[in-house]
N, C-alpha and C. Protein backbone atom coordinates (compact mmCIF):
# COMPACT_ATOMS: atom_id res chain seq x y z
N MET A 1 72.87 99.65 127.86
CA MET A 1 73.34 100.50 128.93
C MET A 1 73.55 101.94 128.50
N LEU A 2 74.16 102.15 127.33
CA LEU A 2 74.44 103.54 126.94
C LEU A 2 73.39 103.92 125.89
N ARG A 3 72.21 103.49 125.88
CA ARG A 3 71.38 103.72 124.76
C ARG A 3 71.15 105.21 124.58
N ASN A 4 70.91 105.94 125.93
CA ASN A 4 70.29 107.13 125.92
C ASN A 4 71.42 108.21 126.13
N GLY A 5 72.81 107.76 126.29
CA GLY A 5 73.84 108.70 126.46
C GLY A 5 73.84 109.44 127.79
N LEU A 6 74.25 110.54 128.05
CA LEU A 6 74.33 111.26 129.17
C LEU A 6 72.84 112.01 129.34
N GLU A 7 72.33 111.80 130.50
CA GLU A 7 71.03 112.55 130.90
C GLU A 7 71.43 113.55 131.88
N PRO A 8 70.46 114.48 132.22
CA PRO A 8 70.75 115.54 133.25
C PRO A 8 71.12 114.97 134.55
N TRP A 9 70.64 113.91 134.86
CA TRP A 9 70.91 113.48 136.27
C TRP A 9 72.34 112.93 136.29
N HIS A 10 72.99 112.47 135.15
CA HIS A 10 74.19 112.04 135.16
C HIS A 10 75.10 113.11 135.35
N LEU A 11 74.79 114.21 134.75
CA LEU A 11 75.76 115.55 134.88
C LEU A 11 75.45 115.95 136.29
N LEU A 12 74.49 115.90 136.99
CA LEU A 12 74.46 116.41 138.36
C LEU A 12 75.25 115.56 139.10
N ILE A 13 75.23 114.10 139.05
CA ILE A 13 76.11 113.14 139.77
C ILE A 13 77.65 113.60 139.55
N VAL A 14 77.92 113.90 138.43
CA VAL A 14 79.38 114.27 138.05
C VAL A 14 79.72 115.46 138.85
N ALA A 15 78.70 116.54 138.86
CA ALA A 15 78.98 117.84 139.57
C ALA A 15 79.22 117.51 141.02
N ILE A 16 78.33 116.77 141.60
CA ILE A 16 78.46 116.46 143.00
C ILE A 16 79.83 115.96 143.24
N MET A 17 80.39 114.87 142.59
CA MET A 17 81.53 114.23 142.76
C MET A 17 82.69 115.22 142.59
N ILE A 18 82.67 116.35 141.76
CA ILE A 18 83.64 117.24 141.61
C ILE A 18 83.82 118.04 142.70
N ILE A 19 82.61 118.51 143.32
CA ILE A 19 82.60 119.26 144.41
C ILE A 19 83.04 118.60 145.73
N VAL A 20 82.66 117.27 145.79
CA VAL A 20 83.24 116.39 146.92
C VAL A 20 84.69 116.26 146.86
N LEU A 21 85.15 115.82 145.69
CA LEU A 21 86.64 115.69 145.51
C LEU A 21 87.54 116.91 145.66
N PHE A 22 87.18 118.11 145.08
CA PHE A 22 87.95 119.15 145.09
C PHE A 22 87.70 120.18 146.21
N GLY A 23 86.51 120.00 146.77
CA GLY A 23 86.27 120.98 147.90
C GLY A 23 85.58 122.23 147.31
N SER A 24 84.75 122.86 148.11
CA SER A 24 84.13 124.06 147.53
C SER A 24 85.23 125.35 147.71
N LYS A 25 86.26 125.17 148.46
CA LYS A 25 87.25 126.25 148.42
C LYS A 25 88.03 126.46 147.11
N LYS A 26 88.50 125.29 146.56
CA LYS A 26 89.26 125.30 145.47
C LYS A 26 88.53 125.54 144.21
N LEU A 27 87.37 125.40 144.17
CA LEU A 27 86.64 125.40 142.92
C LEU A 27 86.55 126.79 142.20
N PRO A 28 86.17 127.94 143.15
CA PRO A 28 86.45 129.26 142.53
C PRO A 28 87.81 129.52 141.89
N GLU A 29 88.88 129.14 142.54
CA GLU A 29 90.14 129.41 142.09
C GLU A 29 90.43 128.58 140.85
N ALA A 30 89.95 127.44 140.67
CA ALA A 30 90.19 126.70 139.35
C ALA A 30 89.22 127.42 138.42
N ALA A 31 88.04 127.88 138.81
CA ALA A 31 87.25 128.62 137.71
C ALA A 31 88.00 129.96 137.23
N ARG A 32 88.61 130.56 138.20
CA ARG A 32 89.31 131.89 137.87
C ARG A 32 90.66 131.34 136.84
N GLY A 33 91.12 130.48 137.06
CA GLY A 33 92.41 129.90 136.20
C GLY A 33 91.90 129.56 135.08
N LEU A 34 90.82 128.85 134.78
CA LEU A 34 90.22 128.55 133.54
C LEU A 34 89.83 129.66 132.89
N GLY A 35 89.21 130.71 133.41
CA GLY A 35 88.78 131.88 132.78
C GLY A 35 89.86 132.68 132.29
N LYS A 36 91.05 132.60 132.99
CA LYS A 36 92.20 133.43 132.65
C LYS A 36 92.81 132.83 131.41
N SER A 37 92.94 131.34 131.44
CA SER A 37 93.36 130.69 130.39
C SER A 37 92.80 130.89 129.09
N MET A 38 91.53 130.79 129.29
CA MET A 38 90.58 130.95 128.08
C MET A 38 90.73 132.53 127.42
N ARG A 39 90.79 133.44 128.20
CA ARG A 39 91.14 134.71 127.85
C ARG A 39 92.46 134.95 126.95
N ILE A 40 93.50 134.41 127.59
CA ILE A 40 94.80 134.35 126.89
C ILE A 40 94.65 133.57 125.53
N LEU A 41 94.09 132.47 125.66
CA LEU A 41 93.96 131.66 124.35
C LEU A 41 93.18 132.46 123.19
N LYS A 42 92.04 133.30 123.76
CA LYS A 42 91.19 133.99 122.74
C LYS A 42 92.07 134.99 122.23
N SER A 43 92.77 135.93 123.11
CA SER A 43 93.64 136.96 122.64
C SER A 43 94.76 136.68 121.74
N GLU A 44 95.49 135.45 121.82
CA GLU A 44 96.50 134.93 121.20
C GLU A 44 95.90 134.57 119.79
N ALA A 45 94.66 133.80 119.65
CA ALA A 45 94.19 133.53 118.48
C ALA A 45 93.78 134.59 117.58
N LYS A 46 93.31 135.72 118.20
CA LYS A 46 92.95 136.89 117.58
C LYS A 46 94.16 137.44 117.10
N ALA A 47 95.35 137.56 117.88
CA ALA A 47 96.44 138.21 117.30
C ALA A 47 96.97 137.34 116.19
N MET A 48 96.95 136.15 116.25
CA MET A 48 97.39 135.28 115.10
C MET A 48 96.61 135.72 113.78
N LYS A 49 95.35 135.77 113.94
CA LYS A 49 94.37 135.98 112.83
C LYS A 49 94.67 137.34 112.36
N GLU A 50 94.98 138.30 113.15
CA GLU A 50 95.36 139.69 112.63
C GLU A 50 96.53 139.79 111.89
N ASP A 51 97.54 138.82 112.33
CA ASP A 51 98.99 138.92 111.77
C ASP A 51 98.63 138.27 110.30
N GLY A 52 97.85 137.26 110.16
CA GLY A 52 97.66 136.66 108.99
C GLY A 52 97.11 137.52 107.89
N THR A 53 96.07 138.21 108.25
CA THR A 53 95.36 139.22 107.35
C THR A 53 96.28 140.42 107.10
N ALA A 54 97.16 140.87 108.01
CA ALA A 54 98.19 141.92 107.67
C ALA A 54 99.08 141.47 106.75
N GLN A 55 99.59 140.38 106.85
CA GLN A 55 100.49 139.84 105.84
C GLN A 55 99.89 139.65 104.53
N SER A 56 98.62 138.99 104.43
CA SER A 56 97.98 138.83 103.03
C SER A 56 97.58 140.19 102.39
N THR A 57 97.22 141.40 103.28
CA THR A 57 96.84 142.44 102.49
C THR A 57 98.05 143.37 102.22
N ALA A 58 99.20 143.20 102.63
CA ALA A 58 100.35 143.88 102.52
C ALA A 58 100.73 143.65 100.89
N ALA A 59 101.18 144.92 100.40
CA ALA A 59 101.78 144.67 98.93
C ALA A 59 102.98 143.67 98.97
N PRO A 60 102.93 142.83 97.97
CA PRO A 60 104.11 142.03 97.72
C PRO A 60 105.37 142.70 97.41
N ALA A 61 106.43 142.27 98.20
CA ALA A 61 107.73 142.98 97.98
C ALA A 61 108.34 142.55 96.76
N GLU A 62 108.95 143.46 96.11
CA GLU A 62 109.70 143.07 95.08
C GLU A 62 110.83 142.28 95.34
N PRO A 63 111.20 141.40 94.28
CA PRO A 63 112.12 140.29 94.70
C PRO A 63 113.48 140.95 94.66
N ALA A 64 114.26 140.55 95.47
CA ALA A 64 115.57 141.15 95.63
C ALA A 64 116.64 140.48 94.43
N VAL A 65 117.46 141.45 93.79
CA VAL A 65 118.24 140.89 92.84
C VAL A 65 119.54 140.61 93.53
N GLN A 66 119.75 139.37 93.34
CA GLN A 66 121.18 138.90 93.87
C GLN A 66 122.22 138.80 92.74
N GLY A 67 123.28 139.26 93.20
CA GLY A 67 124.44 139.10 92.22
C GLY A 67 124.93 137.68 92.19
N VAL A 68 125.66 137.32 91.08
CA VAL A 68 126.19 136.05 91.07
C VAL A 68 127.69 136.10 91.34
N GLN A 69 128.13 135.50 92.37
CA GLN A 69 129.57 135.43 92.75
C GLN A 69 130.19 134.36 92.03
N VAL A 70 131.25 134.66 91.51
CA VAL A 70 132.15 133.81 90.50
C VAL A 70 133.58 133.71 91.22
N ALA A 71 133.97 132.51 91.45
CA ALA A 71 135.41 132.46 91.92
C ALA A 71 136.51 133.01 90.93
N PRO A 72 137.46 133.48 91.52
CA PRO A 72 138.45 134.03 90.62
C PRO A 72 139.07 132.84 89.70
N GLY A 73 139.35 133.22 88.46
CA GLY A 73 139.83 132.14 87.41
C GLY A 73 138.73 131.55 86.71
N GLU A 74 137.51 131.86 86.93
CA GLU A 74 136.35 131.34 86.22
C GLU A 74 136.36 132.06 84.85
N PRO A 75 135.84 131.28 83.85
CA PRO A 75 135.81 131.98 82.52
C PRO A 75 134.75 133.17 82.60
N ALA A 76 134.77 134.22 81.61
CA ALA A 76 133.97 135.27 81.45
C ALA A 76 132.47 134.88 81.35
N ALA A 77 132.21 133.73 80.68
CA ALA A 77 130.86 133.31 80.32
C ALA A 77 130.15 132.98 81.50
N ALA A 78 130.85 132.49 82.64
CA ALA A 78 130.23 132.08 83.85
C ALA A 78 129.67 133.33 84.74
N ARG A 79 130.40 134.47 84.43
CA ARG A 79 129.96 135.70 85.03
C ARG A 79 128.77 136.34 84.88
N GLY A 80 128.14 135.96 83.67
CA GLY A 80 126.78 136.59 83.39
C GLY A 80 126.86 137.79 82.45
N THR A 81 125.74 138.36 82.29
CA THR A 81 125.65 139.68 81.36
C THR A 81 125.71 140.81 82.26
N ALA A 82 125.52 142.03 81.74
CA ALA A 82 125.58 143.24 82.41
C ALA A 82 124.36 143.32 83.25
N GLU A 83 123.34 142.68 83.18
CA GLU A 83 122.07 142.85 84.03
C GLU A 83 122.20 142.02 85.04
N GLY A 84 123.25 141.18 85.38
CA GLY A 84 123.18 140.47 86.51
C GLY A 84 122.56 139.08 86.31
N THR A 85 122.04 138.84 85.19
CA THR A 85 121.52 137.53 84.91
C THR A 85 122.65 136.43 84.35
N PRO A 86 122.55 135.19 84.74
CA PRO A 86 123.65 134.34 84.03
C PRO A 86 123.36 134.18 82.57
N ALA A 87 124.49 134.01 81.80
CA ALA A 87 124.48 133.88 80.35
C ALA A 87 124.20 132.40 80.19
N HIS A 88 123.41 132.20 79.16
CA HIS A 88 122.99 130.74 78.75
C HIS A 88 123.56 130.40 77.49
């Protein structure tokens, strides 16, 4: 049955059925809507691609040094050294 797959006359029958079902008045509107959707998809994909390259080419930010907060009453050893790194 499906040895040859889709042949050109199969596609012609499908096209005729679509015209009969949807009518010739609605097909141009559907084509415009499809074209608009494809343009939007293409522009969004391009924007995502540009965002990805912009982030990868940007210089890496230096890591922020965060201070260690110690609750009042903790021993001095838990507060860390003068550089802000914890004492071991």
